[in-house]
Every structure is written in structure tokens, then in C-alpha cells.
């Protein structure tokens, strides 16, 4: 409710609106209140399905799997492939190697 209601503080695309900015936001508000006030599981699912359909059609925001993650790698390190999941470690550590110019200087 704190994300979907247009008046909610954590409303993702326009927090704490006094009134819904669009007709589809007003419809989401109506559906979210309806699903929260019924004990009928089938009706709740129907209301939430409609909310998801509206969100899919209107695309008020795009869910990302992960925020930007930066990994620093020396240019002399070869085969480095960091993963996006935390912690941003290297899944192929057994394949890492130093470039020939670094290896010669050792």
C-alpha cells in the first residue's frame, strides 16, 4: 500500500500526492483499497491482477534487478568478469591471469 497508493510517502513515481495525477493512478488507488478490504481471496487476486495489468500498461517505473555496481580492475588483469549480485566478486577467479608485461616484471 505504501508504494501503490498515490497518497503514500513511498509512492515511487510521484510521492505523497494530494490527489491522483492520472485516471489510472486513481484506478490503482481504488483497486488497492478494494483488495485490502475484502476477505475473499479470489476477489483480492482479481484486484491485484488488475493493478499489475495497469502498471504493465502504464510503465510508471522500470524495476531493475540491481542498482549500478562498479568494480575496479587493473588493465593488466585478464579474464575478469565480476558478477552483478552482491558482493560483486569474480565468479571465475580460477581463470584470472596477469598480462605478459606484468608477469615479465616480477
PDB file of N, CA and C in Angstrom:
ATOM      1  N   UNK A   1       0.833  -1.190   0.000  1.00  0.00           N
ATOM      2  CA  UNK A   1       0.000   0.000   0.000  1.00  0.00           C
ATOM      3  C   UNK A   1       0.878   1.254   0.000  1.00  0.00           C
ATOM      4  N   UNK A   2       2.000   1.194   0.697  1.00  0.00           N
ATOM      5  CA  UNK A   2       2.854   2.363   0.804  1.00  0.00           C
ATOM      6  C   UNK A   2       3.559   2.700  -0.506  1.00  0.00           C
ATOM      7  N   UNK A   3       3.567   1.787  -1.445  1.00  0.00           N
ATOM      8  CA  UNK A   3       4.153   2.049  -2.765  1.00  0.00           C
ATOM      9  C   UNK A   3       3.066   2.389  -3.778  1.00  0.00           C
ATOM     10  N   UNK A   4       1.952   1.673  -3.729  1.00  0.00           N
ATOM     11  CA  UNK A   4       0.952   1.788  -4.780  1.00  0.00           C
ATOM     12  C   UNK A   4      -0.024   2.938  -4.623  1.00  0.00           C
ATOM     13  N   UNK A   5      -0.415   3.283  -3.411  1.00  0.00           N
ATOM     14  CA  UNK A   5      -1.369   4.387  -3.249  1.00  0.00           C
ATOM     15  C   UNK A   5      -0.716   5.705  -3.643  1.00  0.00           C
ATOM     16  N   UNK A   6      -1.398   6.515  -4.423  1.00  0.00           N
ATOM     17  CA  UNK A   6      -0.820   7.781  -4.895  1.00  0.00           C
ATOM     18  C   UNK A   6      -0.545   8.747  -3.751  1.00  0.00           C
ATOM     19  N   UNK A   7      -1.231   8.602  -2.633  1.00  0.00           N
ATOM     20  CA  UNK A   7      -1.018   9.495  -1.486  1.00  0.00           C
ATOM     21  C   UNK A   7       0.091   9.005  -0.561  1.00  0.00           C
ATOM     22  N   UNK A   8       0.655   7.846  -0.833  1.00  0.00           N
ATOM     23  CA  UNK A   8       1.657   7.250   0.055  1.00  0.00           C
ATOM     24  C   UNK A   8       3.011   7.943  -0.060  1.00  0.00           C
ATOM     25  N   UNK A   9       3.735   7.930   1.041  1.00  0.00           N
ATOM     26  CA  UNK A   9       5.066   8.539   1.084  1.00  0.00           C
ATOM     27  C   UNK A   9       6.056   7.844   0.170  1.00  0.00           C
ATOM     28  N   UNK A  10       5.904   6.544   0.025  1.00  0.00           N
ATOM     29  CA  UNK A  10       6.844   5.764  -0.767  1.00  0.00           C
ATOM     30  C   UNK A  10       6.318   5.466  -2.173  1.00  0.00           C
ATOM     31  N   UNK A  11       5.331   6.235  -2.618  1.00  0.00           N
ATOM     32  CA  UNK A  11       4.812   6.115  -3.985  1.00  0.00           C
ATOM     33  C   UNK A  11       5.963   6.451  -4.922  1.00  0.00           C
ATOM     34  N   UNK A  12       6.357   5.508  -5.748  1.00  0.00           N
ATOM     35  CA  UNK A  12       7.628   5.595  -6.456  1.00  0.00           C
ATOM     36  C   UNK A  12       7.732   6.674  -7.520  1.00  0.00           C
ATOM     37  N   UNK A  13       6.668   7.001  -8.214  1.00  0.00           N
ATOM     38  CA  UNK A  13       6.825   7.926  -9.337  1.00  0.00           C
ATOM     39  C   UNK A  13       6.323   9.320  -9.040  1.00  0.00           C
ATOM     40  N   UNK A  14       5.668   9.564  -7.938  1.00  0.00           N
ATOM     41  CA  UNK A  14       5.262  10.909  -7.530  1.00  0.00           C
ATOM     42  C   UNK A  14       4.783  10.828  -6.082  1.00  0.00           C
ATOM     43  N   UNK A  15       5.712  10.801  -5.123  1.00  0.00           N
ATOM     44  CA  UNK A  15       5.355  10.556  -3.726  1.00  0.00           C
ATOM     45  C   UNK A  15       4.414  11.610  -3.138  1.00  0.00           C
ATOM     46  N   UNK A  16       3.566  11.149  -2.238  1.00  0.00           N
ATOM     47  CA  UNK A  16       2.702  11.996  -1.401  1.00  0.00           C
ATOM     48  C   UNK A  16       1.816  12.954  -2.190  1.00  0.00           C
ATOM     49  N   UNK A  17       1.162  12.461  -3.222  1.00  0.00           N
ATOM     50  CA  UNK A  17       0.236  13.305  -3.981  1.00  0.00           C
ATOM     51  C   UNK A  17      -1.006  13.583  -3.127  1.00  0.00           C
ATOM     52  N   UNK A  18      -1.556  14.784  -3.263  1.00  0.00           N
ATOM     53  CA  UNK A  18      -2.813  15.074  -2.560  1.00  0.00           C
ATOM     54  C   UNK A  18      -3.972  14.350  -3.245  1.00  0.00           C
ATOM     55  N   UNK A  19      -3.928  14.276  -4.566  1.00  0.00           N
ATOM     56  CA  UNK A  19      -4.905  13.524  -5.349  1.00  0.00           C
ATOM     57  C   UNK A  19      -4.151  12.820  -6.475  1.00  0.00           C
ATOM     58  N   UNK A  20      -4.694  11.721  -6.985  1.00  0.00           N
ATOM     59  CA  UNK A  20      -4.017  11.022  -8.088  1.00  0.00           C
ATOM     60  C   UNK A  20      -3.834  11.944  -9.298  1.00  0.00           C
ATOM     61  N   UNK A  21      -2.670  11.887  -9.900  1.00  0.00           N
ATOM     62  CA  UNK A  21      -2.346  12.753 -11.034  1.00  0.00           C
ATOM     63  C   UNK A  21      -2.987  12.270 -12.334  1.00  0.00           C
ATOM     64  N   UNK A  22      -3.322  11.008 -12.399  1.00  0.00           N
ATOM     65  CA  UNK A  22      -3.868  10.430 -13.630  1.00  0.00           C
ATOM     66  C   UNK A  22      -5.057   9.532 -13.298  1.00  0.00           C
ATOM     67  N   UNK A  23      -5.919   9.284 -14.276  1.00  0.00           N
ATOM     68  CA  UNK A  23      -7.042   8.365 -14.049  1.00  0.00           C
ATOM     69  C   UNK A  23      -6.581   6.942 -13.692  1.00  0.00           C
ATOM     70  N   UNK A  24      -5.509   6.478 -14.295  1.00  0.00           N
ATOM     71  CA  UNK A  24      -5.041   5.128 -13.994  1.00  0.00           C
ATOM     72  C   UNK A  24      -4.478   5.033 -12.582  1.00  0.00           C
ATOM     73  N   UNK A  25      -3.889   6.121 -12.054  1.00  0.00           N
ATOM     74  CA  UNK A  25      -3.442   6.107 -10.655  1.00  0.00           C
ATOM     75  C   UNK A  25      -4.648   6.052  -9.716  1.00  0.00           C
ATOM     76  N   UNK A  26      -5.712   6.766 -10.067  1.00  0.00           N
ATOM     77  CA  UNK A  26      -6.945   6.724  -9.269  1.00  0.00           C
ATOM     78  C   UNK A  26      -7.517   5.305  -9.280  1.00  0.00           C
ATOM     79  N   UNK A  27      -7.437   4.632 -10.415  1.00  0.00           N
ATOM     80  CA  UNK A  27      -7.924   3.252 -10.515  1.00  0.00           C
ATOM     81  C   UNK A  27      -7.083   2.320  -9.642  1.00  0.00           C
ATOM     82  N   UNK A  28      -5.767   2.514  -9.638  1.00  0.00           N
ATOM     83  CA  UNK A  28      -4.902   1.705  -8.770  1.00  0.00           C
ATOM     84  C   UNK A  28      -5.268   1.941  -7.310  1.00  0.00           C
ATOM     85  N   UNK A  29      -5.473   3.207  -6.917  1.00  0.00           N
ATOM     86  CA  UNK A  29      -5.877   3.512  -5.541  1.00  0.00           C
ATOM     87  C   UNK A  29      -7.149   2.751  -5.179  1.00  0.00           C
ATOM     88  N   UNK A  30      -8.146   2.793  -6.069  1.00  0.00           N
ATOM     89  CA  UNK A  30      -9.428   2.128  -5.830  1.00  0.00           C
ATOM     90  C   UNK A  30      -9.242   0.619  -5.679  1.00  0.00           C
ATOM     91  N   UNK A  31      -8.454   0.027  -6.587  1.00  0.00           N
ATOM     92  CA  UNK A  31      -8.234  -1.414  -6.556  1.00  0.00           C
ATOM     93  C   UNK A  31      -7.444  -1.853  -5.324  1.00  0.00           C
ATOM     94  N   UNK A  32      -6.444  -1.074  -4.936  1.00  0.00           N
ATOM     95  CA  UNK A  32      -5.647  -1.427  -3.763  1.00  0.00           C
ATOM     96  C   UNK A  32      -6.483  -1.348  -2.493  1.00  0.00           C
ATOM     97  N   UNK A  33      -7.333  -0.349  -2.404  1.00  0.00           N
ATOM     98  CA  UNK A  33      -8.219  -0.248  -1.233  1.00  0.00           C
ATOM     99  C   UNK A  33      -9.227  -1.401  -1.228  1.00  0.00           C
ATOM    100  N   UNK A  34      -9.712  -1.764  -2.404  1.00  0.00           N
ATOM    101  CA  UNK A  34     -10.683  -2.859  -2.508  1.00  0.00           C
ATOM    102  C   UNK A  34     -10.050  -4.191  -2.092  1.00  0.00           C
ATOM    103  N   UNK A  35      -8.844  -4.456  -2.561  1.00  0.00           N
ATOM    104  CA  UNK A  35      -8.209  -5.731  -2.217  1.00  0.00           C
ATOM    105  C   UNK A  35      -7.866  -5.785  -0.736  1.00  0.00           C
ATOM    106  N   UNK A  36      -7.584  -4.649  -0.130  1.00  0.00           N
ATOM    107  CA  UNK A  36      -7.243  -4.620   1.289  1.00  0.00           C
ATOM    108  C   UNK A  36      -8.470  -4.776   2.187  1.00  0.00           C
ATOM    109  N   UNK A  37      -9.648  -4.573   1.626  1.00  0.00           N
ATOM    110  CA  UNK A  37     -10.853  -4.599   2.466  1.00  0.00           C
ATOM    111  C   UNK A  37     -11.735  -5.824   2.259  1.00  0.00           C
ATOM    112  N   UNK A  38     -11.270  -6.780   1.476  1.00  0.00           N
ATOM    113  CA  UNK A  38     -12.072  -7.993   1.280  1.00  0.00           C
ATOM    114  C   UNK A  38     -11.353  -9.208   1.850  1.00  0.00           C
ATOM    115  N   UNK A  39     -12.119 -10.144   2.348  1.00  0.00           N
ATOM    116  CA  UNK A  39     -11.557 -11.399   2.852  1.00  0.00           C
ATOM    117  C   UNK A  39     -11.584 -12.490   1.792  1.00  0.00           C
ATOM    118  N   UNK A  40     -12.239 -12.227   0.676  1.00  0.00           N
ATOM    119  CA  UNK A  40     -12.364 -13.193  -0.405  1.00  0.00           C
ATOM    120  C   UNK A  40     -11.053 -13.238  -1.201  1.00  0.00           C
ATOM    121  N   UNK A  41     -10.344 -14.353  -1.079  1.00  0.00           N
ATOM    122  CA  UNK A  41      -9.029 -14.479  -1.721  1.00  0.00           C
ATOM    123  C   UNK A  41      -9.106 -14.346  -3.234  1.00  0.00           C
ATOM    124  N   UNK A  42     -10.150 -14.875  -3.848  1.00  0.00           N
ATOM    125  CA  UNK A  42     -10.289 -14.787  -5.306  1.00  0.00           C
ATOM    126  C   UNK A  42     -10.494 -13.337  -5.746  1.00  0.00           C
ATOM    127  N   UNK A  43     -11.284 -12.582  -4.985  1.00  0.00           N
ATOM    128  CA  UNK A  43     -11.501 -11.162  -5.314  1.00  0.00           C
ATOM    129  C   UNK A  43     -10.215 -10.373  -5.119  1.00  0.00           C
ATOM    130  N   UNK A  44      -9.486 -10.662  -4.042  1.00  0.00           N
ATOM    131  CA  UNK A  44      -8.209  -9.967  -3.812  1.00  0.00           C
ATOM    132  C   UNK A  44      -7.272 -10.198  -4.989  1.00  0.00           C
ATOM    133  N   UNK A  45      -7.177 -11.458  -5.427  1.00  0.00           N
ATOM    134  CA  UNK A  45      -6.307 -11.769  -6.566  1.00  0.00           C
ATOM    135  C   UNK A  45      -6.762 -11.019  -7.808  1.00  0.00           C
ATOM    136  N   UNK A  46      -8.054 -10.965  -8.027  1.00  0.00           N
ATOM    137  CA  UNK A  46      -8.596 -10.239  -9.181  1.00  0.00           C
ATOM    138  C   UNK A  46      -8.199  -8.757  -9.133  1.00  0.00           C
ATOM    139  N   UNK A  47      -8.329  -8.134  -7.965  1.00  0.00           N
ATOM    140  CA  UNK A  47      -7.964  -6.720  -7.824  1.00  0.00           C
ATOM    141  C   UNK A  47      -6.467  -6.504  -8.046  1.00  0.00           C
ATOM    142  N   UNK A  48      -5.644  -7.353  -7.451  1.00  0.00           N
ATOM    143  CA  UNK A  48      -4.187  -7.215  -7.597  1.00  0.00           C
ATOM    144  C   UNK A  48      -3.770  -7.497  -9.036  1.00  0.00           C
ATOM    145  N   UNK A  49      -4.404  -8.451  -9.684  1.00  0.00           N
ATOM    146  CA  UNK A  49      -4.108  -8.720 -11.094  1.00  0.00           C
ATOM    147  C   UNK A  49      -4.383  -7.478 -11.947  1.00  0.00           C
ATOM    148  N   UNK A  50      -5.475  -6.782 -11.644  1.00  0.00           N
ATOM    149  CA  UNK A  50      -5.797  -5.555 -12.391  1.00  0.00           C
ATOM    150  C   UNK A  50      -4.757  -4.470 -12.132  1.00  0.00           C
ATOM    151  N   UNK A  51      -4.300  -4.350 -10.883  1.00  0.00           N
ATOM    152  CA  UNK A  51      -3.241  -3.378 -10.563  1.00  0.00           C
ATOM    153  C   UNK A  51      -1.995  -3.693 -11.382  1.00  0.00           C
ATOM    154  N   UNK A  52      -1.624  -4.964 -11.416  1.00  0.00           N
ATOM    155  CA  UNK A  52      -0.434  -5.357 -12.174  1.00  0.00           C
ATOM    156  C   UNK A  52      -0.611  -5.099 -13.664  1.00  0.00           C
ATOM    157  N   UNK A  53      -1.798  -5.308 -14.184  1.00  0.00           N
ATOM    158  CA  UNK A  53      -2.070  -5.035 -15.597  1.00  0.00           C
ATOM    159  C   UNK A  53      -1.910  -3.544 -15.901  1.00  0.00           C
ATOM    160  N   UNK A  54      -2.462  -2.696 -15.034  1.00  0.00           N
ATOM    161  CA  UNK A  54      -2.334  -1.242 -15.221  1.00  0.00           C
ATOM    162  C   UNK A  54      -0.871  -0.828 -15.162  1.00  0.00           C
ATOM    163  N   UNK A  55      -0.137  -1.343 -14.180  1.00  0.00           N
ATOM    164  CA  UNK A  55       1.288  -0.999 -14.048  1.00  0.00           C
ATOM    165  C   UNK A  55       2.070  -1.459 -15.272  1.00  0.00           C
ATOM    166  N   UNK A  56       1.717  -2.619 -15.815  1.00  0.00           N
ATOM    167  CA  UNK A  56       2.385  -3.112 -17.018  1.00  0.00           C
ATOM    168  C   UNK A  56       2.080  -2.210 -18.209  1.00  0.00           C
ATOM    169  N   UNK A  57       0.827  -1.776 -18.342  1.00  0.00           N
ATOM    170  CA  UNK A  57       0.436  -0.928 -19.473  1.00  0.00           C
ATOM    171  C   UNK A  57       1.021   0.481 -19.362  1.00  0.00           C
ATOM    172  N   UNK A  58       1.020   1.047 -18.175  1.00  0.00           N
ATOM    173  CA  UNK A  58       1.430   2.440 -17.990  1.00  0.00           C
ATOM    174  C   UNK A  58       2.935   2.607 -17.767  1.00  0.00           C
ATOM    175  N   UNK A  59       3.584   1.592 -17.291  1.00  0.00           N
ATOM    176  CA  UNK A  59       5.030   1.615 -17.016  1.00  0.00           C
ATOM    177  C   UNK A  59       5.470   2.871 -16.260  1.00  0.00           C
ATOM    178  N   UNK A  60       4.969   3.088 -15.045  1.00  0.00           N
ATOM    179  CA  UNK A  60       5.379   4.273 -14.304  1.00  0.00           C
ATOM    180  C   UNK A  60       6.840   4.224 -13.865  1.00  0.00           C
ATOM    181  N   UNK A  61       7.390   3.044 -13.752  1.00  0.00           N
ATOM    182  CA  UNK A  61       8.804   2.878 -13.475  1.00  0.00           C
ATOM    183  C   UNK A  61       9.224   1.493 -13.933  1.00  0.00           C
ATOM    184  N   UNK A  62      10.508   1.315 -14.081  1.00  0.00           N
ATOM    185  CA  UNK A  62      11.035   0.036 -14.534  1.00  0.00           C
ATOM    186  C   UNK A  62      11.810  -0.574 -13.377  1.00  0.00           C
ATOM    187  N   UNK A  63      11.427  -1.781 -13.006  1.00  0.00           N
ATOM    188  CA  UNK A  63      12.147  -2.466 -11.941  1.00  0.00           C
ATOM    189  C   UNK A  63      13.486  -2.952 -12.477  1.00  0.00           C
ATOM    190  N   UNK A  64      14.538  -2.663 -11.753  1.00  0.00           N
ATOM    191  CA  UNK A  64      15.858  -3.151 -12.109  1.00  0.00           C
ATOM    192  C   UNK A  64      16.269  -4.211 -11.096  1.00  0.00           C
ATOM    193  N   UNK A  65      16.989  -5.180 -11.554  1.00  0.00           N
ATOM    194  CA  UNK A  65      17.407  -6.247 -10.668  1.00  0.00           C
ATOM    195  C   UNK A  65      18.387  -5.727  -9.635  1.00  0.00           C
ATOM    196  N   UNK A  66      19.262  -4.833 -10.046  1.00  0.00           N
ATOM    197  CA  UNK A  66      20.315  -4.351  -9.162  1.00  0.00           C
ATOM    198  C   UNK A  66      20.664  -2.922  -9.540  1.00  0.00           C
ATOM    199  N   UNK A  67      21.009  -2.121  -8.557  1.00  0.00           N
ATOM    200  CA  UNK A  67      21.490  -0.783  -8.851  1.00  0.00           C
ATOM    201  C   UNK A  67      22.846  -0.897  -9.536  1.00  0.00           C
ATOM    202  N   UNK A  68      23.324   0.225 -10.059  1.00  0.00           N
ATOM    203  CA  UNK A  68      24.640   0.206 -10.686  1.00  0.00           C
ATOM    204  C   UNK A  68      25.675  -0.296  -9.696  1.00  0.00           C
ATOM    205  N   UNK A  69      26.500  -1.191 -10.137  1.00  0.00           N
ATOM    206  CA  UNK A  69      27.575  -1.723  -9.306  1.00  0.00           C
ATOM    207  C   UNK A  69      28.878  -1.528 -10.067  1.00  0.00           C
ATOM    208  N   UNK A  70      29.830  -0.923  -9.425  1.00  0.00           N
ATOM    209  CA  UNK A  70      31.110  -0.677 -10.067  1.00  0.00           C
ATOM    210  C   UNK A  70      32.173  -1.603  -9.499  1.00  0.00           C
ATOM    211  N   UNK A  71      33.004  -2.113 -10.351  1.00  0.00           N
ATOM    212  CA  UNK A  71      34.142  -2.935  -9.941  1.00  0.00           C
ATOM    213  C   UNK A  71      35.373  -2.392 -10.636  1.00  0.00           C
ATOM    214  N   UNK A  72      36.421  -2.212  -9.873  1.00  0.00           N
ATOM    215  CA  UNK A  72      37.674  -1.714 -10.448  1.00  0.00           C
ATOM    216  C   UNK A  72      38.589  -2.898 -10.744  1.00  0.00           C
ATOM    217  N   UNK A  73      39.160  -2.882 -11.941  1.00  0.00           N
ATOM    218  CA  UNK A  73      40.049  -3.954 -12.362  1.00  0.00           C
ATOM    219  C   UNK A  73      41.235  -3.333 -13.074  1.00  0.00           C
ATOM    220  N   UNK A  74      42.403  -3.754 -12.707  1.00  0.00           N
ATOM    221  CA  UNK A  74      43.616  -3.286 -13.374  1.00  0.00           C
ATOM    222  C   UNK A  74      43.593  -3.724 -14.831  1.00  0.00           C
ATOM    223  N   UNK A  75      44.070  -2.874 -15.746  1.00  0.00           N
ATOM    224  CA  UNK A  75      44.112  -3.275 -17.154  1.00  0.00           C
ATOM    225  C   UNK A  75      45.021  -4.479 -17.407  1.00  0.00           C
ATOM    226  N   UNK A  76      45.913  -4.767 -16.466  1.00  0.00           N
ATOM    227  CA  UNK A  76      46.806  -5.913 -16.658  1.00  0.00           C
ATOM    228  C   UNK A  76      46.179  -7.224 -16.187  1.00  0.00           C
ATOM    229  N   UNK A  77      45.005  -7.170 -15.589  1.00  0.00           N
ATOM    230  CA  UNK A  77      44.315  -8.388 -15.160  1.00  0.00           C
ATOM    231  C   UNK A  77      43.401  -8.845 -16.287  1.00  0.00           C
ATOM    232  N   UNK A  78      43.594 -10.052 -16.752  1.00  0.00           N
ATOM    233  CA  UNK A  78      42.824 -10.592 -17.871  1.00  0.00           C
ATOM    234  C   UNK A  78      41.763 -11.586 -17.392  1.00  0.00           C
ATOM    235  N   UNK A  79      40.709 -11.692 -18.172  1.00  0.00           N
ATOM    236  CA  UNK A  79      39.596 -12.617 -17.919  1.00  0.00           C
ATOM    237  C   UNK A  79      38.772 -12.252 -16.682  1.00  0.00           C
ATOM    238  N   UNK A  80      38.757 -10.984 -16.310  1.00  0.00           N
ATOM    239  CA  UNK A  80      37.982 -10.563 -15.138  1.00  0.00           C
ATOM    240  C   UNK A  80      36.523 -10.361 -15.540  1.00  0.00           C
ATOM    241  N   UNK A  81      35.622 -11.049 -14.867  1.00  0.00           N
ATOM    242  CA  UNK A  81      34.187 -10.951 -15.135  1.00  0.00           C
ATOM    243  C   UNK A  81      33.440 -10.847 -13.802  1.00  0.00           C
ATOM    244  N   UNK A  82      33.276  -9.634 -13.270  1.00  0.00           N
ATOM    245  CA  UNK A  82      32.551  -9.508 -11.998  1.00  0.00           C
ATOM    246  C   UNK A  82      31.078  -9.839 -12.183  1.00  0.00           C
ATOM    247  N   UNK A  83      30.445 -10.304 -11.131  1.00  0.00           N
ATOM    248  CA  UNK A  83      29.016 -10.606 -11.169  1.00  0.00           C
ATOM    249  C   UNK A  83      28.243  -9.388 -10.676  1.00  0.00           C
ATOM    250  N   UNK A  84      26.961  -9.328 -10.979  1.00  0.00           N
ATOM    251  CA  UNK A  84      26.155  -8.189 -10.560  1.00  0.00           C
ATOM    252  C   UNK A  84      25.555  -8.387  -9.172  1.00  0.00           C
ATOM    253  N   UNK A  85      25.514  -9.612  -8.681  1.00  0.00           N
ATOM    254  CA  UNK A  85      24.954  -9.869  -7.358  1.00  0.00           C
ATOM    255  C   UNK A  85      25.972  -9.526  -6.274  1.00  0.00           C
ATOM    256  N   UNK A  86      25.451  -9.092  -5.143  1.00  0.00           N
ATOM    257  CA  UNK A  86      26.344  -8.719  -4.042  1.00  0.00           C
ATOM    258  C   UNK A  86      26.888  -9.953  -3.359  1.00  0.00           C
ATOM    259  N   UNK A  87      28.092  -9.937  -2.904  1.00  0.00           N
ATOM    260  CA  UNK A  87      29.102  -8.920  -3.175  1.00  0.00           C
ATOM    261  C   UNK A  87      29.609  -9.078  -4.606  1.00  0.00           C
ATOM    262  N   UNK A  88      30.027  -7.984  -5.204  1.00  0.00           N
ATOM    263  CA  UNK A  88      30.466  -8.015  -6.603  1.00  0.00           C
ATOM    264  C   UNK A  88      31.846  -8.672  -6.688  1.00  0.00           C
ATOM    265  N   UNK A  89      31.843  -9.980  -6.636  1.00  0.00           N
ATOM    266  CA  UNK A  89      33.085 -10.737  -6.685  1.00  0.00           C
ATOM    267  C   UNK A  89      33.226 -11.353  -8.075  1.00  0.00           C
ATOM    268  N   UNK A  90      34.312 -12.018  -8.268  1.00  0.00           N
ATOM    269  CA  UNK A  90      34.577 -12.616  -9.573  1.00  0.00           C
ATOM    270  C   UNK A  90      34.254 -14.102  -9.515  1.00  0.00           C
ATOM    271  N   UNK A  91      33.335 -14.514 -10.367  1.00  0.00           N
ATOM    272  CA  UNK A  91      32.897 -15.903 -10.355  1.00  0.00           C
ATOM    273  C   UNK A  91      33.918 -16.826 -11.003  1.00  0.00           C
ATOM    274  N   UNK A  92      34.834 -16.268 -11.755  1.00  0.00           N
ATOM    275  CA  UNK A  92      35.791 -17.091 -12.498  1.00  0.00           C
ATOM    276  C   UNK A  92      37.226 -16.854 -12.010  1.00  0.00           C
ATOM    277  N   UNK A  93      37.423 -16.809 -10.720  1.00  0.00           N
ATOM    278  CA  UNK A  93      38.736 -16.464 -10.174  1.00  0.00           C
ATOM    279  C   UNK A  93      39.829 -17.435 -10.639  1.00  0.00           C
ATOM    280  N   UNK A  94      39.460 -18.669 -10.922  1.00  0.00           N
ATOM    281  CA  UNK A  94      40.447 -19.648 -11.390  1.00  0.00           C
ATOM    282  C   UNK A  94      40.941 -19.356 -12.807  1.00  0.00           C
ATOM    283  N   UNK A  95      40.274 -18.430 -13.513  1.00  0.00           N
ATOM    284  CA  UNK A  95      40.671 -18.102 -14.875  1.00  0.00           C
ATOM    285  C   UNK A  95      41.374 -16.748 -14.971  1.00  0.00           C
ATOM    286  N   UNK A  96      41.539 -16.040 -13.855  1.00  0.00           N
ATOM    287  CA  UNK A  96      42.200 -14.736 -13.885  1.00  0.00           C
ATOM    288  C   UNK A  96      43.683 -14.915 -14.164  1.00  0.00           C
ATOM    289  N   UNK A  97      44.244 -13.964 -14.889  1.00  0.00           N
ATOM    290  CA  UNK A  97      45.684 -14.012 -15.159  1.00  0.00           C
ATOM    291  C   UNK A  97      46.216 -12.598 -15.321  1.00  0.00           C
ATOM    292  N   UNK A  98      47.503 -12.449 -15.047  1.00  0.00           N
ATOM    293  CA  UNK A  98      48.164 -11.161 -15.252  1.00  0.00           C
ATOM    294  C   UNK A  98      48.669 -11.090 -16.678  1.00  0.00           C
ATOM    295  N   UNK A  99      48.643  -9.889 -17.229  1.00  0.00           N
ATOM    296  CA  UNK A  99      49.151  -9.703 -18.576  1.00  0.00           C
ATOM    297  C   UNK A  99      50.629 -10.023 -18.645  1.00  0.00           C
ATOM    298  N   UNK A 100      51.116 -10.333 -19.828  1.00  0.00           N
ATOM    299  CA  UNK A 100      52.513 -10.741 -20.028  1.00  0.00           C
ATOM    300  C   UNK A 100      53.484  -9.686 -19.543  1.00  0.00           C
ATOM    301  N   UNK A 101      53.154  -8.376 -19.737  1.00  0.00           N
ATOM    302  CA  UNK A 101      54.083  -7.327 -19.316  1.00  0.00           C
ATOM    303  C   UNK A 101      54.254  -7.278 -17.808  1.00  0.00           C
ATOM    304  N   UNK A 102      53.227  -7.595 -17.052  1.00  0.00           N
ATOM    305  CA  UNK A 102      53.316  -7.615 -15.595  1.00  0.00           C
ATOM    306  C   UNK A 102      54.082  -8.850 -15.144  1.00  0.00           C
ATOM    307  N   UNK A 103      53.775  -9.974 -15.770  1.00  0.00           N
ATOM    308  CA  UNK A 103      54.446 -11.228 -15.394  1.00  0.00           C
ATOM    309  C   UNK A 103      55.957 -11.145 -15.641  1.00  0.00           C
ATOM    310  N   UNK A 104      56.364 -10.460 -16.718  1.00  0.00           N
ATOM    311  CA  UNK A 104      57.804 -10.335 -17.013  1.00  0.00           C
ATOM    312  C   UNK A 104      58.511  -9.499 -15.957  1.00  0.00           C
ATOM    313  N   UNK A 105      57.824  -8.513 -15.381  1.00  0.00           N
ATOM    314  CA  UNK A 105      58.441  -7.615 -14.409  1.00  0.00           C
ATOM    315  C   UNK A 105      58.494  -8.222 -13.006  1.00  0.00           C
ATOM    316  N   UNK A 106      58.010  -9.373 -12.820  1.00  0.00           N
ATOM    317  CA  UNK A 106      58.010  -9.985 -11.471  1.00  0.00           C
ATOM    318  C   UNK A 106      59.248 -10.750 -11.224  1.00  0.00           C
TER     319      UNK A 106
END
